[in-house]
Amino acid sequence: MENALGLGGYQAIMMTVVFALGLLGIVGLFLAIFWPQRWRLKYRIEVGFVVLLLGLAWYADARSTAIFTQYQSAIRESGVLSGEPTAPTGKFDRELKVIAFQWGFAFLTADNKISRNAAIVKPGEKVLFHIFSNDVIHGFNIPAVGITSEIEPSQEGSAVWIRAPQKPGKYLIQCLNYCGVGHAQMKAWLVVEGTEESPEA
């Protein structure tokens, strides 16, 4: 099973810091309520706290921008863009059911095999995704093939198709609609396995 949740690096650092600050806030609240002696924070501690929050916001924005820029430049250099605006003729090579939930994707094949983090396809395949949400509105975006779809929680779901990149590798799948505190971790991989094929005429 592919792990696309990114539970390491700067995102893990940010989540750890946020939870630590939240815990400190709860402890401070209880101290303020139950501590018999009145105490007051020094001015420099308050200023330091504000500087810390501003620093965290700057760090998160800088890291996110750097990762996005790197990813987009890698796509432009590899030339793997293969999205097509109109429906293909004939049948699809592969159909996958996608369940979007807070905060991840589950992919089900026709023979009911399930993958938590990866949609596995072959180079150049026409792949149809039947996408459903079981909680809130999610996005389904595969930048490498230029596909974005919004999924509302409903029985009907939505359907999008792609032509898989010709070049084998792992391509990011992500949610683009803010869907809660774990939104940044809502990622998966389009895994293209096999030998590179020449495009259809």
N, C-alpha and C. Protein backbone atom coordinates (compact mmCIF):
# COMPACT_ATOMS: atom_id res chain seq x y z
N MET A 1 0.84 -1.20 0.00
CA MET A 1 0.00 0.00 0.00
C MET A 1 0.88 1.25 0.00
N GLU A 2 0.53 2.20 -0.86
CA GLU A 2 1.30 3.43 -0.94
C GLU A 2 0.93 4.35 0.22
N ASN A 3 1.91 5.00 0.78
CA ASN A 3 1.65 5.97 1.85
C ASN A 3 1.80 7.37 1.30
N ALA A 4 0.69 8.07 1.17
CA ALA A 4 0.72 9.43 0.62
C ALA A 4 0.30 10.46 1.64
N LEU A 5 0.20 10.08 2.89
CA LEU A 5 -0.36 11.00 3.88
C LEU A 5 0.63 12.06 4.33
N GLY A 6 1.89 11.90 4.03
CA GLY A 6 2.86 12.93 4.38
C GLY A 6 2.97 13.16 5.87
N LEU A 7 2.98 12.08 6.66
CA LEU A 7 3.03 12.24 8.12
C LEU A 7 4.46 12.44 8.58
N GLY A 8 5.15 13.30 7.95
CA GLY A 8 6.51 13.65 8.30
C GLY A 8 6.81 15.00 7.71
N GLY A 9 7.99 15.53 7.99
CA GLY A 9 8.36 16.80 7.42
C GLY A 9 7.65 17.97 8.07
N TYR A 10 7.52 19.04 7.33
CA TYR A 10 7.02 20.29 7.92
C TYR A 10 5.57 20.19 8.38
N GLN A 11 4.75 19.38 7.70
CA GLN A 11 3.35 19.27 8.11
C GLN A 11 3.23 18.65 9.49
N ALA A 12 4.04 17.61 9.74
CA ALA A 12 4.03 16.99 11.06
C ALA A 12 4.52 17.97 12.12
N ILE A 13 5.53 18.76 11.77
CA ILE A 13 6.04 19.77 12.72
C ILE A 13 4.94 20.77 13.05
N MET A 14 4.24 21.26 12.03
CA MET A 14 3.19 22.24 12.25
C MET A 14 2.06 21.68 13.11
N MET A 15 1.64 20.44 12.82
CA MET A 15 0.57 19.83 13.61
C MET A 15 1.00 19.64 15.06
N THR A 16 2.26 19.23 15.26
CA THR A 16 2.77 19.05 16.62
C THR A 16 2.77 20.36 17.39
N VAL A 17 3.23 21.43 16.72
CA VAL A 17 3.27 22.74 17.37
C VAL A 17 1.86 23.22 17.71
N VAL A 18 0.92 23.03 16.78
CA VAL A 18 -0.46 23.47 17.02
C VAL A 18 -1.06 22.74 18.22
N PHE A 19 -0.87 21.42 18.28
CA PHE A 19 -1.41 20.66 19.41
C PHE A 19 -0.72 21.04 20.71
N ALA A 20 0.59 21.30 20.66
CA ALA A 20 1.33 21.70 21.87
C ALA A 20 0.82 23.04 22.37
N LEU A 21 0.60 24.00 21.46
CA LEU A 21 0.08 25.31 21.87
C LEU A 21 -1.34 25.19 22.44
N GLY A 22 -2.14 24.32 21.83
CA GLY A 22 -3.48 24.10 22.35
C GLY A 22 -3.46 23.51 23.75
N LEU A 23 -2.57 22.55 23.97
CA LEU A 23 -2.44 21.94 25.30
C LEU A 23 -1.96 22.97 26.33
N LEU A 24 -0.98 23.80 25.94
CA LEU A 24 -0.51 24.85 26.84
C LEU A 24 -1.62 25.84 27.17
N GLY A 25 -2.46 26.14 26.18
CA GLY A 25 -3.58 27.04 26.42
C GLY A 25 -4.57 26.47 27.43
N ILE A 26 -4.85 25.17 27.33
CA ILE A 26 -5.76 24.52 28.28
C ILE A 26 -5.16 24.53 29.68
N VAL A 27 -3.86 24.20 29.76
CA VAL A 27 -3.18 24.22 31.07
C VAL A 27 -3.22 25.62 31.66
N GLY A 28 -2.94 26.64 30.85
CA GLY A 28 -2.99 28.03 31.32
C GLY A 28 -4.37 28.43 31.80
N LEU A 29 -5.42 27.94 31.10
CA LEU A 29 -6.78 28.25 31.52
C LEU A 29 -7.08 27.66 32.90
N PHE A 30 -6.69 26.39 33.10
CA PHE A 30 -6.93 25.76 34.40
C PHE A 30 -6.13 26.44 35.52
N LEU A 31 -4.90 26.85 35.19
CA LEU A 31 -4.10 27.57 36.19
C LEU A 31 -4.77 28.89 36.56
N ALA A 32 -5.29 29.59 35.55
CA ALA A 32 -5.94 30.87 35.82
C ALA A 32 -7.19 30.70 36.68
N ILE A 33 -7.89 29.57 36.50
CA ILE A 33 -9.12 29.35 37.25
C ILE A 33 -8.84 28.85 38.68
N PHE A 34 -7.92 27.87 38.80
CA PHE A 34 -7.76 27.18 40.08
C PHE A 34 -6.54 27.58 40.89
N TRP A 35 -5.58 28.26 40.28
CA TRP A 35 -4.38 28.66 41.04
C TRP A 35 -4.78 29.70 42.09
N PRO A 36 -4.44 29.47 43.36
CA PRO A 36 -4.87 30.40 44.41
C PRO A 36 -4.22 31.78 44.31
N GLN A 37 -3.02 31.81 43.80
CA GLN A 37 -2.31 33.09 43.72
C GLN A 37 -2.50 33.70 42.34
N ARG A 38 -2.89 34.95 42.28
CA ARG A 38 -3.05 35.65 41.00
C ARG A 38 -1.69 35.89 40.38
N TRP A 39 -1.57 35.64 39.07
CA TRP A 39 -0.32 35.90 38.38
C TRP A 39 -0.62 36.51 37.03
N ARG A 40 0.35 37.16 36.49
CA ARG A 40 0.17 37.87 35.23
C ARG A 40 1.40 37.65 34.37
N LEU A 41 1.15 37.40 33.09
CA LEU A 41 2.27 37.21 32.16
C LEU A 41 3.04 38.51 31.99
N LYS A 42 4.34 38.37 31.84
CA LYS A 42 5.17 39.55 31.56
C LYS A 42 4.94 39.98 30.11
N TYR A 43 5.12 41.26 29.88
CA TYR A 43 4.86 41.84 28.56
C TYR A 43 5.71 41.17 27.48
N ARG A 44 6.97 40.87 27.79
CA ARG A 44 7.85 40.28 26.78
C ARG A 44 7.41 38.86 26.40
N ILE A 45 6.75 38.15 27.33
CA ILE A 45 6.23 36.81 27.01
C ILE A 45 5.06 36.93 26.03
N GLU A 46 4.20 37.92 26.23
CA GLU A 46 3.08 38.14 25.31
C GLU A 46 3.59 38.49 23.91
N VAL A 47 4.57 39.38 23.86
CA VAL A 47 5.16 39.76 22.57
C VAL A 47 5.81 38.54 21.92
N GLY A 48 6.52 37.75 22.71
CA GLY A 48 7.16 36.54 22.18
C GLY A 48 6.16 35.56 21.61
N PHE A 49 5.00 35.44 22.26
CA PHE A 49 3.96 34.53 21.78
C PHE A 49 3.43 34.99 20.43
N VAL A 50 3.19 36.29 20.28
CA VAL A 50 2.71 36.83 19.01
C VAL A 50 3.76 36.63 17.91
N VAL A 51 5.03 36.87 18.25
CA VAL A 51 6.11 36.65 17.28
C VAL A 51 6.18 35.18 16.87
N LEU A 52 5.98 34.27 17.83
CA LEU A 52 5.97 32.84 17.53
C LEU A 52 4.86 32.49 16.54
N LEU A 53 3.66 33.01 16.77
CA LEU A 53 2.55 32.73 15.87
C LEU A 53 2.81 33.27 14.47
N LEU A 54 3.35 34.50 14.39
CA LEU A 54 3.68 35.08 13.08
C LEU A 54 4.76 34.26 12.38
N GLY A 55 5.74 33.80 13.15
CA GLY A 55 6.80 32.96 12.58
C GLY A 55 6.26 31.64 12.04
N LEU A 56 5.33 31.03 12.77
CA LEU A 56 4.72 29.78 12.30
C LEU A 56 3.95 29.99 11.01
N ALA A 57 3.19 31.09 10.94
CA ALA A 57 2.43 31.38 9.72
C ALA A 57 3.37 31.60 8.54
N TRP A 58 4.45 32.35 8.76
CA TRP A 58 5.43 32.58 7.68
C TRP A 58 6.07 31.26 7.24
N TYR A 59 6.48 30.44 8.21
CA TYR A 59 7.13 29.16 7.90
C TYR A 59 6.21 28.25 7.08
N ALA A 60 4.94 28.15 7.51
CA ALA A 60 3.99 27.29 6.79
C ALA A 60 3.79 27.77 5.36
N ASP A 61 3.64 29.08 5.19
CA ASP A 61 3.43 29.63 3.85
C ASP A 61 4.65 29.44 2.96
N ALA A 62 5.83 29.67 3.52
CA ALA A 62 7.07 29.53 2.74
C ALA A 62 7.28 28.08 2.30
N ARG A 63 7.07 27.13 3.21
CA ARG A 63 7.26 25.71 2.88
C ARG A 63 6.24 25.25 1.86
N SER A 64 4.98 25.67 2.05
CA SER A 64 3.93 25.28 1.11
C SER A 64 4.21 25.83 -0.29
N THR A 65 4.63 27.09 -0.37
CA THR A 65 4.94 27.70 -1.66
C THR A 65 6.12 27.01 -2.33
N ALA A 66 7.15 26.68 -1.56
CA ALA A 66 8.33 26.00 -2.12
C ALA A 66 7.97 24.63 -2.68
N ILE A 67 7.15 23.87 -1.94
CA ILE A 67 6.76 22.53 -2.40
C ILE A 67 5.90 22.62 -3.65
N PHE A 68 4.94 23.56 -3.67
CA PHE A 68 4.08 23.73 -4.84
C PHE A 68 4.90 24.12 -6.07
N THR A 69 5.82 25.07 -5.89
CA THR A 69 6.66 25.53 -7.01
C THR A 69 7.51 24.39 -7.54
N GLN A 70 8.11 23.62 -6.65
CA GLN A 70 8.94 22.49 -7.06
C GLN A 70 8.12 21.45 -7.82
N TYR A 71 6.92 21.18 -7.32
CA TYR A 71 6.07 20.18 -7.96
C TYR A 71 5.64 20.62 -9.35
N GLN A 72 5.22 21.88 -9.46
CA GLN A 72 4.78 22.37 -10.76
C GLN A 72 5.92 22.42 -11.77
N SER A 73 7.12 22.81 -11.33
CA SER A 73 8.25 22.86 -12.26
C SER A 73 8.63 21.45 -12.72
N ALA A 74 8.49 20.47 -11.82
CA ALA A 74 8.79 19.08 -12.21
C ALA A 74 7.81 18.59 -13.26
N ILE A 75 6.54 18.99 -13.13
CA ILE A 75 5.55 18.60 -14.13
C ILE A 75 5.87 19.24 -15.48
N ARG A 76 6.19 20.53 -15.47
CA ARG A 76 6.50 21.21 -16.74
C ARG A 76 7.72 20.59 -17.43
N GLU A 77 8.73 20.24 -16.64
CA GLU A 77 9.95 19.68 -17.22
C GLU A 77 9.74 18.27 -17.76
N SER A 78 8.88 17.48 -17.09
CA SER A 78 8.70 16.09 -17.52
C SER A 78 7.78 15.96 -18.72
N GLY A 79 6.93 16.98 -18.95
CA GLY A 79 6.01 16.93 -20.08
C GLY A 79 5.00 15.80 -19.98
N VAL A 80 4.49 15.50 -18.77
CA VAL A 80 3.58 14.37 -18.61
C VAL A 80 2.11 14.77 -18.73
N LEU A 81 1.82 16.04 -18.97
CA LEU A 81 0.43 16.46 -19.03
C LEU A 81 -0.32 15.68 -20.10
N SER A 82 -1.46 15.10 -19.72
CA SER A 82 -2.18 14.28 -20.68
C SER A 82 -3.69 14.41 -20.56
N GLY A 83 -4.17 15.39 -19.82
CA GLY A 83 -5.61 15.57 -19.68
C GLY A 83 -6.26 15.92 -21.00
N GLU A 84 -7.47 15.42 -21.23
CA GLU A 84 -8.20 15.71 -22.45
C GLU A 84 -9.57 16.27 -22.09
N PRO A 85 -10.03 17.32 -22.77
CA PRO A 85 -11.27 17.98 -22.36
C PRO A 85 -12.55 17.26 -22.78
N THR A 86 -12.49 16.32 -23.74
CA THR A 86 -13.70 15.67 -24.22
C THR A 86 -13.67 14.19 -23.89
N ALA A 87 -14.84 13.58 -23.86
CA ALA A 87 -14.92 12.16 -23.51
C ALA A 87 -14.29 11.30 -24.59
N PRO A 88 -13.64 10.20 -24.21
CA PRO A 88 -13.01 9.34 -25.20
C PRO A 88 -14.03 8.46 -25.89
N THR A 89 -13.69 8.00 -27.08
CA THR A 89 -14.55 7.05 -27.76
C THR A 89 -14.19 5.65 -27.30
N GLY A 90 -15.15 4.74 -27.38
CA GLY A 90 -14.87 3.36 -26.97
C GLY A 90 -14.94 3.19 -25.46
N LYS A 91 -14.58 2.01 -24.99
CA LYS A 91 -14.68 1.71 -23.57
C LYS A 91 -13.44 2.18 -22.83
N PHE A 92 -13.54 2.17 -21.51
CA PHE A 92 -12.41 2.54 -20.68
C PHE A 92 -11.55 1.32 -20.39
N ASP A 93 -10.25 1.55 -20.24
CA ASP A 93 -9.34 0.46 -19.90
C ASP A 93 -9.48 0.05 -18.44
N ARG A 94 -9.88 1.00 -17.60
CA ARG A 94 -9.98 0.72 -16.17
C ARG A 94 -11.03 1.65 -15.55
N GLU A 95 -11.84 1.10 -14.64
CA GLU A 95 -12.80 1.89 -13.90
C GLU A 95 -12.54 1.71 -12.42
N LEU A 96 -12.50 2.82 -11.69
CA LEU A 96 -12.24 2.79 -10.25
C LEU A 96 -13.31 3.57 -9.52
N LYS A 97 -13.79 3.00 -8.44
CA LYS A 97 -14.69 3.73 -7.55
C LYS A 97 -13.85 4.42 -6.50
N VAL A 98 -14.11 5.70 -6.27
CA VAL A 98 -13.33 6.49 -5.32
C VAL A 98 -14.25 6.97 -4.21
N ILE A 99 -13.90 6.66 -2.97
CA ILE A 99 -14.63 7.17 -1.81
C ILE A 99 -13.76 8.26 -1.18
N ALA A 100 -14.26 9.49 -1.19
CA ALA A 100 -13.55 10.60 -0.55
C ALA A 100 -14.15 10.80 0.83
N PHE A 101 -13.29 10.93 1.83
CA PHE A 101 -13.76 11.08 3.20
C PHE A 101 -12.76 11.94 3.96
N GLN A 102 -13.16 12.42 5.14
CA GLN A 102 -12.23 13.18 5.98
C GLN A 102 -11.26 12.20 6.65
N TRP A 103 -9.97 12.11 6.28
CA TRP A 103 -9.31 12.93 5.30
C TRP A 103 -8.46 12.02 4.45
N GLY A 104 -9.06 11.46 3.42
CA GLY A 104 -8.34 10.55 2.55
C GLY A 104 -9.20 10.07 1.40
N PHE A 105 -8.60 9.20 0.59
CA PHE A 105 -9.29 8.59 -0.55
C PHE A 105 -9.15 7.08 -0.45
N ALA A 106 -10.21 6.37 -0.78
CA ALA A 106 -10.15 4.91 -0.91
C ALA A 106 -10.52 4.56 -2.34
N PHE A 107 -9.74 3.69 -2.97
CA PHE A 107 -9.96 3.31 -4.37
C PHE A 107 -10.38 1.85 -4.42
N LEU A 108 -11.52 1.56 -5.07
CA LEU A 108 -12.02 0.20 -5.21
C LEU A 108 -12.00 -0.20 -6.67
N THR A 109 -11.43 -1.37 -6.95
CA THR A 109 -11.39 -1.89 -8.32
C THR A 109 -12.67 -2.67 -8.61
N ALA A 110 -12.81 -3.11 -9.86
CA ALA A 110 -13.99 -3.87 -10.27
C ALA A 110 -14.12 -5.18 -9.49
N ASP A 111 -12.99 -5.78 -9.09
CA ASP A 111 -13.04 -7.03 -8.33
C ASP A 111 -12.98 -6.79 -6.82
N ASN A 112 -13.39 -5.57 -6.39
CA ASN A 112 -13.53 -5.21 -4.98
C ASN A 112 -12.24 -5.22 -4.17
N LYS A 113 -11.11 -5.02 -4.84
CA LYS A 113 -9.86 -4.80 -4.11
C LYS A 113 -9.80 -3.32 -3.75
N ILE A 114 -9.31 -3.03 -2.55
CA ILE A 114 -9.30 -1.66 -2.07
C ILE A 114 -7.89 -1.19 -1.75
N SER A 115 -7.60 0.05 -2.07
CA SER A 115 -6.33 0.66 -1.72
C SER A 115 -6.62 1.98 -1.04
N ARG A 116 -5.97 2.21 0.08
CA ARG A 116 -6.23 3.41 0.89
C ARG A 116 -5.61 4.66 0.28
N ASN A 117 -4.48 4.52 -0.38
CA ASN A 117 -3.74 5.71 -0.78
C ASN A 117 -3.27 5.72 -2.24
N ALA A 118 -3.65 4.74 -3.03
CA ALA A 118 -3.09 4.67 -4.37
C ALA A 118 -4.09 4.14 -5.39
N ALA A 119 -4.16 4.81 -6.54
CA ALA A 119 -4.88 4.31 -7.70
C ALA A 119 -3.82 3.81 -8.67
N ILE A 120 -3.79 2.50 -8.89
CA ILE A 120 -2.73 1.90 -9.71
C ILE A 120 -3.25 1.67 -11.12
N VAL A 121 -2.54 2.25 -12.10
CA VAL A 121 -2.94 2.16 -13.50
C VAL A 121 -1.71 1.85 -14.35
N LYS A 122 -1.93 1.68 -15.64
CA LYS A 122 -0.83 1.43 -16.58
C LYS A 122 -0.66 2.64 -17.49
N PRO A 123 0.52 2.81 -18.08
CA PRO A 123 0.78 3.98 -18.94
C PRO A 123 -0.24 4.10 -20.07
N GLY A 124 -0.77 5.30 -20.26
CA GLY A 124 -1.66 5.58 -21.38
C GLY A 124 -3.07 5.04 -21.26
N GLU A 125 -3.43 4.40 -20.15
CA GLU A 125 -4.77 3.86 -20.01
C GLU A 125 -5.82 4.96 -19.92
N LYS A 126 -7.02 4.67 -20.44
CA LYS A 126 -8.18 5.53 -20.21
C LYS A 126 -8.83 5.05 -18.92
N VAL A 127 -8.82 5.91 -17.91
CA VAL A 127 -9.29 5.52 -16.58
C VAL A 127 -10.50 6.36 -16.21
N LEU A 128 -11.60 5.69 -15.84
CA LEU A 128 -12.80 6.37 -15.40
C LEU A 128 -12.89 6.26 -13.88
N PHE A 129 -13.04 7.41 -13.22
CA PHE A 129 -13.21 7.46 -11.77
C PHE A 129 -14.68 7.77 -11.44
N HIS A 130 -15.32 6.90 -10.68
CA HIS A 130 -16.64 7.17 -10.11
C HIS A 130 -16.39 7.65 -8.68
N ILE A 131 -16.64 8.93 -8.41
CA ILE A 131 -16.20 9.53 -7.14
C ILE A 131 -17.41 9.85 -6.26
N PHE A 132 -17.30 9.45 -4.99
CA PHE A 132 -18.36 9.69 -4.02
C PHE A 132 -17.76 10.29 -2.75
N SER A 133 -18.55 11.12 -2.07
CA SER A 133 -18.16 11.64 -0.76
C SER A 133 -19.17 11.14 0.26
N ASN A 134 -18.67 10.69 1.42
CA ASN A 134 -19.59 10.21 2.44
C ASN A 134 -19.72 11.16 3.63
N ASP A 135 -19.17 12.40 3.48
CA ASP A 135 -19.31 13.33 4.60
C ASP A 135 -19.51 14.78 4.14
N VAL A 136 -18.47 15.42 3.62
CA VAL A 136 -18.56 16.83 3.24
C VAL A 136 -18.13 17.00 1.78
N ILE A 137 -18.14 18.25 1.31
CA ILE A 137 -17.68 18.52 -0.06
C ILE A 137 -16.17 18.37 -0.12
N HIS A 138 -15.70 17.59 -1.09
CA HIS A 138 -14.27 17.39 -1.30
C HIS A 138 -13.92 17.78 -2.74
N GLY A 139 -12.63 17.93 -2.99
CA GLY A 139 -12.13 18.12 -4.34
C GLY A 139 -11.32 16.90 -4.75
N PHE A 140 -11.26 16.64 -6.05
CA PHE A 140 -10.46 15.54 -6.59
C PHE A 140 -9.60 16.12 -7.70
N ASN A 141 -8.31 16.27 -7.43
CA ASN A 141 -7.42 16.97 -8.35
C ASN A 141 -6.19 16.11 -8.63
N ILE A 142 -5.90 15.92 -9.92
CA ILE A 142 -4.66 15.25 -10.34
C ILE A 142 -3.93 16.25 -11.23
N PRO A 143 -3.00 17.05 -10.67
CA PRO A 143 -2.36 18.11 -11.46
C PRO A 143 -1.66 17.60 -12.72
N ALA A 144 -1.07 16.41 -12.66
CA ALA A 144 -0.28 15.92 -13.79
C ALA A 144 -1.11 15.67 -15.04
N VAL A 145 -2.43 15.46 -14.88
CA VAL A 145 -3.28 15.23 -16.04
C VAL A 145 -4.31 16.34 -16.20
N GLY A 146 -4.20 17.41 -15.40
CA GLY A 146 -5.06 18.57 -15.57
C GLY A 146 -6.52 18.33 -15.26
N ILE A 147 -6.80 17.47 -14.27
CA ILE A 147 -8.18 17.14 -13.92
C ILE A 147 -8.51 17.64 -12.52
N THR A 148 -9.63 18.35 -12.39
CA THR A 148 -10.14 18.79 -11.10
C THR A 148 -11.65 18.58 -11.08
N SER A 149 -12.16 18.03 -9.98
CA SER A 149 -13.60 17.84 -9.84
C SER A 149 -14.00 18.11 -8.40
N GLU A 150 -15.19 18.65 -8.22
CA GLU A 150 -15.73 18.87 -6.88
C GLU A 150 -16.78 17.81 -6.60
N ILE A 151 -16.70 17.18 -5.43
CA ILE A 151 -17.61 16.09 -5.09
C ILE A 151 -18.47 16.49 -3.91
N GLU A 152 -19.78 16.52 -4.12
CA GLU A 152 -20.72 16.78 -3.04
C GLU A 152 -21.21 15.46 -2.47
N PRO A 153 -21.52 15.43 -1.17
CA PRO A 153 -22.04 14.19 -0.59
C PRO A 153 -23.43 13.88 -1.16
N SER A 154 -23.53 12.84 -1.99
CA SER A 154 -24.80 12.46 -2.59
C SER A 154 -24.71 11.01 -3.04
N GLN A 155 -25.86 10.44 -3.37
CA GLN A 155 -25.90 9.05 -3.85
C GLN A 155 -25.32 8.93 -5.25
N GLU A 156 -25.49 10.00 -6.06
CA GLU A 156 -25.08 9.92 -7.46
C GLU A 156 -23.57 10.01 -7.64
N GLY A 157 -22.91 10.86 -6.80
CA GLY A 157 -21.48 11.07 -6.98
C GLY A 157 -21.21 11.81 -8.28
N SER A 158 -19.99 11.70 -8.77
CA SER A 158 -19.64 12.30 -10.06
C SER A 158 -18.63 11.40 -10.74
N ALA A 159 -18.45 11.61 -12.02
CA ALA A 159 -17.53 10.78 -12.79
C ALA A 159 -16.58 11.68 -13.58
N VAL A 160 -15.31 11.37 -13.54
CA VAL A 160 -14.31 12.04 -14.36
C VAL A 160 -13.40 10.97 -14.95
N TRP A 161 -12.79 11.29 -16.07
CA TRP A 161 -11.88 10.33 -16.66
C TRP A 161 -10.57 11.00 -16.99
N ILE A 162 -9.53 10.21 -17.07
CA ILE A 162 -8.22 10.70 -17.46
C ILE A 162 -7.58 9.71 -18.43
N ARG A 163 -6.61 10.20 -19.16
CA ARG A 163 -5.68 9.29 -19.83
C ARG A 163 -4.42 9.32 -18.97
N ALA A 164 -4.03 8.17 -18.45
CA ALA A 164 -2.88 8.09 -17.55
C ALA A 164 -1.61 8.57 -18.27
N PRO A 165 -0.71 9.19 -17.53
CA PRO A 165 0.56 9.60 -18.14
C PRO A 165 1.29 8.41 -18.77
N GLN A 166 2.03 8.68 -19.85
CA GLN A 166 2.80 7.62 -20.50
C GLN A 166 4.02 7.21 -19.68
N LYS A 167 4.51 8.15 -18.87
CA LYS A 167 5.73 7.89 -18.11
C LYS A 167 5.38 7.24 -16.77
N PRO A 168 5.93 6.04 -16.48
CA PRO A 168 5.68 5.40 -15.18
C PRO A 168 6.17 6.28 -14.03
N GLY A 169 5.48 6.21 -12.90
CA GLY A 169 5.86 7.00 -11.74
C GLY A 169 4.67 7.22 -10.83
N LYS A 170 4.86 8.08 -9.84
CA LYS A 170 3.82 8.41 -8.88
C LYS A 170 3.42 9.86 -9.06
N TYR A 171 2.12 10.11 -9.24
CA TYR A 171 1.60 11.44 -9.48
C TYR A 171 0.59 11.80 -8.39
N LEU A 172 0.69 13.00 -7.90
CA LEU A 172 -0.12 13.44 -6.76
C LEU A 172 -1.61 13.49 -7.08
N ILE A 173 -2.42 12.98 -6.14
CA ILE A 173 -3.87 13.19 -6.11
C ILE A 173 -4.15 13.96 -4.82
N GLN A 174 -4.96 15.01 -4.88
CA GLN A 174 -5.18 15.81 -3.69
C GLN A 174 -6.60 16.38 -3.67
N CYS A 175 -7.04 16.74 -2.46
CA CYS A 175 -8.30 17.44 -2.29
C CYS A 175 -8.03 18.94 -2.36
N LEU A 176 -8.82 19.67 -3.15
CA LEU A 176 -8.63 21.11 -3.29
C LEU A 176 -9.67 21.93 -2.53
N ASN A 177 -10.70 21.27 -1.99
CA ASN A 177 -11.72 21.99 -1.22
C ASN A 177 -11.42 21.82 0.26
N TYR A 178 -11.32 22.93 0.98
CA TYR A 178 -11.02 22.83 2.40
C TYR A 178 -12.11 22.01 3.08
N CYS A 179 -11.72 20.95 3.77
CA CYS A 179 -12.68 19.99 4.31
C CYS A 179 -12.45 19.69 5.79
N GLY A 180 -11.72 20.57 6.49
CA GLY A 180 -11.49 20.37 7.91
C GLY A 180 -10.02 20.41 8.26
N VAL A 181 -9.72 20.12 9.54
CA VAL A 181 -8.35 20.31 10.02
C VAL A 181 -7.34 19.37 9.36
N GLY A 182 -7.79 18.23 8.84
CA GLY A 182 -6.87 17.30 8.19
C GLY A 182 -6.78 17.48 6.69
N HIS A 183 -7.31 18.60 6.17
CA HIS A 183 -7.34 18.81 4.72
C HIS A 183 -5.96 18.71 4.07
N ALA A 184 -4.95 19.28 4.71
CA ALA A 184 -3.60 19.27 4.13
C ALA A 184 -3.04 17.86 3.98
N GLN A 185 -3.57 16.91 4.74
CA GLN A 185 -3.08 15.53 4.68
C GLN A 185 -3.90 14.68 3.70
N MET A 186 -4.91 15.26 3.07
CA MET A 186 -5.80 14.48 2.20
C MET A 186 -5.18 14.34 0.81
N LYS A 187 -4.31 13.34 0.71
CA LYS A 187 -3.55 13.11 -0.53
C LYS A 187 -3.50 11.62 -0.84
N ALA A 188 -3.24 11.32 -2.09
CA ALA A 188 -3.03 9.94 -2.52
C ALA A 188 -2.13 9.99 -3.74
N TRP A 189 -1.86 8.81 -4.33
CA TRP A 189 -1.00 8.75 -5.51
C TRP A 189 -1.72 8.08 -6.67
N LEU A 190 -1.54 8.63 -7.86
CA LEU A 190 -1.83 7.92 -9.09
C LEU A 190 -0.54 7.21 -9.44
N VAL A 191 -0.52 5.89 -9.28
CA VAL A 191 0.70 5.11 -9.51
C VAL A 191 0.64 4.49 -10.89
N VAL A 192 1.51 4.92 -11.78
CA VAL A 192 1.56 4.40 -13.14
C VAL A 192 2.65 3.32 -13.18
N GLU A 193 2.21 2.08 -13.38
CA GLU A 193 3.14 0.94 -13.38
C GLU A 193 3.22 0.33 -14.76
N GLY A 194 4.41 -0.10 -15.16
CA GLY A 194 4.59 -0.76 -16.45
C GLY A 194 5.56 -0.01 -17.30
N THR A 195 5.73 -0.48 -18.53
CA THR A 195 6.67 0.16 -19.46
C THR A 195 5.97 1.28 -20.20
N GLU A 196 6.74 2.29 -20.55
CA GLU A 196 6.19 3.45 -21.26
C GLU A 196 5.71 3.03 -22.63
N GLU A 197 4.48 3.48 -22.98
CA GLU A 197 3.90 3.13 -24.28
C GLU A 197 3.86 4.35 -25.17
N SER A 198 3.86 4.10 -26.46
CA SER A 198 3.74 5.23 -27.40
C SER A 198 2.28 5.67 -27.44
N PRO A 199 2.02 6.99 -27.53
CA PRO A 199 0.64 7.49 -27.54
C PRO A 199 -0.13 6.97 -28.74
N GLU A 200 -1.47 6.86 -28.56
CA GLU A 200 -2.33 6.43 -29.68
C GLU A 200 -2.36 7.51 -30.74
N ALA A 201 -2.53 7.07 -31.96
CA ALA A 201 -2.61 8.02 -33.07
C ALA A 201 -3.94 8.72 -33.07
